[in-house]
Amino acid sequence: MAEVCWQRVKTMVCEKIGEEVHLDALLVYPIDLLPDQAARVIRRRCSAALTCNLRDQPTCSWSGTLPGYDPLI
């Protein structure tokens, strides 16, 4: 059976809210029969998503309010 876990991608200071945030990704690792395949990213989240969603302005794709802006790119 495949293994599913949250993994921290990056810790950074968000320029939109001025705080340190953690960017996490939900990864699905393949079963042992397919060891050469890379993990698949199912979902992404930010530790400050609630704070960003309460703002009047859209912030980034990690909080789900501005799909066109990714702080890692």
C-alpha atoms as a PDB file:
ATOM      1  CA  MET A   1       0.000   0.000   0.000  1.00  0.00           C
ATOM      2  CA  ALA A   2       1.198   3.525  -0.743  1.00  0.00           C
ATOM      3  CA  GLU A   3       2.452   5.772   2.043  1.00  0.00           C
ATOM      4  CA  VAL A   4       0.915   9.242   2.449  1.00  0.00           C
ATOM      5  CA  CYS A   5       2.554  11.926   4.597  1.00  0.00           C
ATOM      6  CA  TRP A   6       2.966  15.680   4.979  1.00  0.00           C
ATOM      7  CA  GLN A   7       6.502  16.903   4.341  1.00  0.00           C
ATOM      8  CA  ARG A   8       7.903  20.383   4.936  1.00  0.00           C
ATOM      9  CA  VAL A   9       9.040  21.910   1.656  1.00  0.00           C
ATOM     10  CA  LYS A  10      10.400  25.207   2.886  1.00  0.00           C
ATOM     11  CA  THR A  11      10.433  27.613   5.814  1.00  0.00           C
ATOM     12  CA  MET A  12      10.557  31.250   4.757  1.00  0.00           C
ATOM     13  CA  VAL A  13       9.475  34.753   5.664  1.00  0.00           C
ATOM     14  CA  CYS A  14       6.337  35.612   3.736  1.00  0.00           C
ATOM     15  CA  GLU A  15       6.646  39.014   2.091  1.00  0.00           C
ATOM     16  CA  LYS A  16       2.851  39.456   2.036  1.00  0.00           C
ATOM     17  CA  ILE A  17       2.265  39.189   5.805  1.00  0.00           C
ATOM     18  CA  GLY A  18       5.825  39.666   7.112  1.00  0.00           C
ATOM     19  CA  GLU A  19       5.899  36.489   9.222  1.00  0.00           C
ATOM     20  CA  GLU A  20       7.782  33.205   9.111  1.00  0.00           C
ATOM     21  CA  VAL A  21       5.672  30.486   7.462  1.00  0.00           C
ATOM     22  CA  HIS A  22       6.066  26.778   6.762  1.00  0.00           C
ATOM     23  CA  LEU A  23       5.145  25.436   3.329  1.00  0.00           C
ATOM     24  CA  ASP A  24       4.127  21.766   3.431  1.00  0.00           C
ATOM     25  CA  ALA A  25       3.175  19.264   0.731  1.00  0.00           C
ATOM     26  CA  LEU A  26       1.092  16.093   1.016  1.00  0.00           C
ATOM     27  CA  LEU A  27       3.140  13.409  -0.737  1.00  0.00           C
ATOM     28  CA  VAL A  28       2.148   9.920  -1.831  1.00  0.00           C
ATOM     29  CA  TYR A  29       5.075   7.520  -2.034  1.00  0.00           C
ATOM     30  CA  PRO A  30       4.656   4.478  -4.323  1.00  0.00           C
ATOM     31  CA  ILE A  31       4.480   0.923  -3.066  1.00  0.00           C
ATOM     32  CA  ASP A  32       7.621  -1.225  -2.874  1.00  0.00           C
ATOM     33  CA  LEU A  33       6.863  -2.831  -6.245  1.00  0.00           C
ATOM     34  CA  LEU A  34       7.547   0.518  -7.979  1.00  0.00           C
ATOM     35  CA  PRO A  35      10.615   1.871  -6.135  1.00  0.00           C
ATOM     36  CA  ASP A  36      11.981   4.037  -8.974  1.00  0.00           C
ATOM     37  CA  GLN A  37       8.972   6.348  -9.156  1.00  0.00           C
ATOM     38  CA  ALA A  38       9.079   9.728  -7.474  1.00  0.00           C
ATOM     39  CA  ALA A  39       6.540  10.799  -4.871  1.00  0.00           C
ATOM     40  CA  ARG A  40       3.428  12.581  -6.120  1.00  0.00           C
ATOM     41  CA  VAL A  41       2.291  15.890  -4.676  1.00  0.00           C
ATOM     42  CA  ILE A  42      -1.400  15.718  -3.812  1.00  0.00           C
ATOM     43  CA  ARG A  43      -1.916  18.941  -1.868  1.00  0.00           C
ATOM     44  CA  ARG A  44      -0.003  21.985  -0.669  1.00  0.00           C
ATOM     45  CA  ARG A  45      -0.577  24.113   2.417  1.00  0.00           C
ATOM     46  CA  CYS A  46       0.862  27.086   4.251  1.00  0.00           C
ATOM     47  CA  SER A  47       0.985  27.462   8.027  1.00  0.00           C
ATOM     48  CA  ALA A  48      -0.378  31.033   7.733  1.00  0.00           C
ATOM     49  CA  ALA A  49      -3.196  30.261   5.295  1.00  0.00           C
ATOM     50  CA  LEU A  50      -5.894  31.247   7.790  1.00  0.00           C
ATOM     51  CA  THR A  51      -4.249  34.631   8.387  1.00  0.00           C
ATOM     52  CA  CYS A  52      -3.952  35.229   4.644  1.00  0.00           C
ATOM     53  CA  ASN A  53      -7.546  34.200   3.965  1.00  0.00           C
ATOM     54  CA  LEU A  54      -8.799  36.756   6.500  1.00  0.00           C
ATOM     55  CA  ARG A  55      -7.064  39.616   4.663  1.00  0.00           C
ATOM     56  CA  ASP A  56      -8.886  41.807   2.150  1.00  0.00           C
ATOM     57  CA  GLN A  57      -6.263  41.171  -0.544  1.00  0.00           C
ATOM     58  CA  PRO A  58      -5.407  37.853  -2.240  1.00  0.00           C
ATOM     59  CA  THR A  59      -1.980  36.569  -1.208  1.00  0.00           C
ATOM     60  CA  CYS A  60      -0.660  33.383  -2.891  1.00  0.00           C
ATOM     61  CA  SER A  61      -1.444  29.940  -4.288  1.00  0.00           C
ATOM     62  CA  TRP A  62      -0.329  28.168  -1.077  1.00  0.00           C
ATOM     63  CA  SER A  63      -3.186  29.775   0.861  1.00  0.00           C
ATOM     64  CA  GLY A  64      -5.617  29.254  -2.006  1.00  0.00           C
ATOM     65  CA  THR A  65      -6.473  32.908  -2.604  1.00  0.00           C
ATOM     66  CA  LEU A  66      -4.273  33.850  -5.591  1.00  0.00           C
ATOM     67  CA  PRO A  67      -3.579  30.904  -7.919  1.00  0.00           C
ATOM     68  CA  GLY A  68      -1.261  32.881 -10.202  1.00  0.00           C
ATOM     69  CA  TYR A  69       1.357  33.703  -7.548  1.00  0.00           C
ATOM     70  CA  ASP A  70       3.683  31.043  -6.158  1.00  0.00           C
ATOM     71  CA  PRO A  71       6.306  32.340  -3.674  1.00  0.00           C
ATOM     72  CA  LEU A  72       8.723  29.514  -4.537  1.00  0.00           C
ATOM     73  CA  ILE A  73       9.035  30.458  -8.191  1.00  0.00           C
END
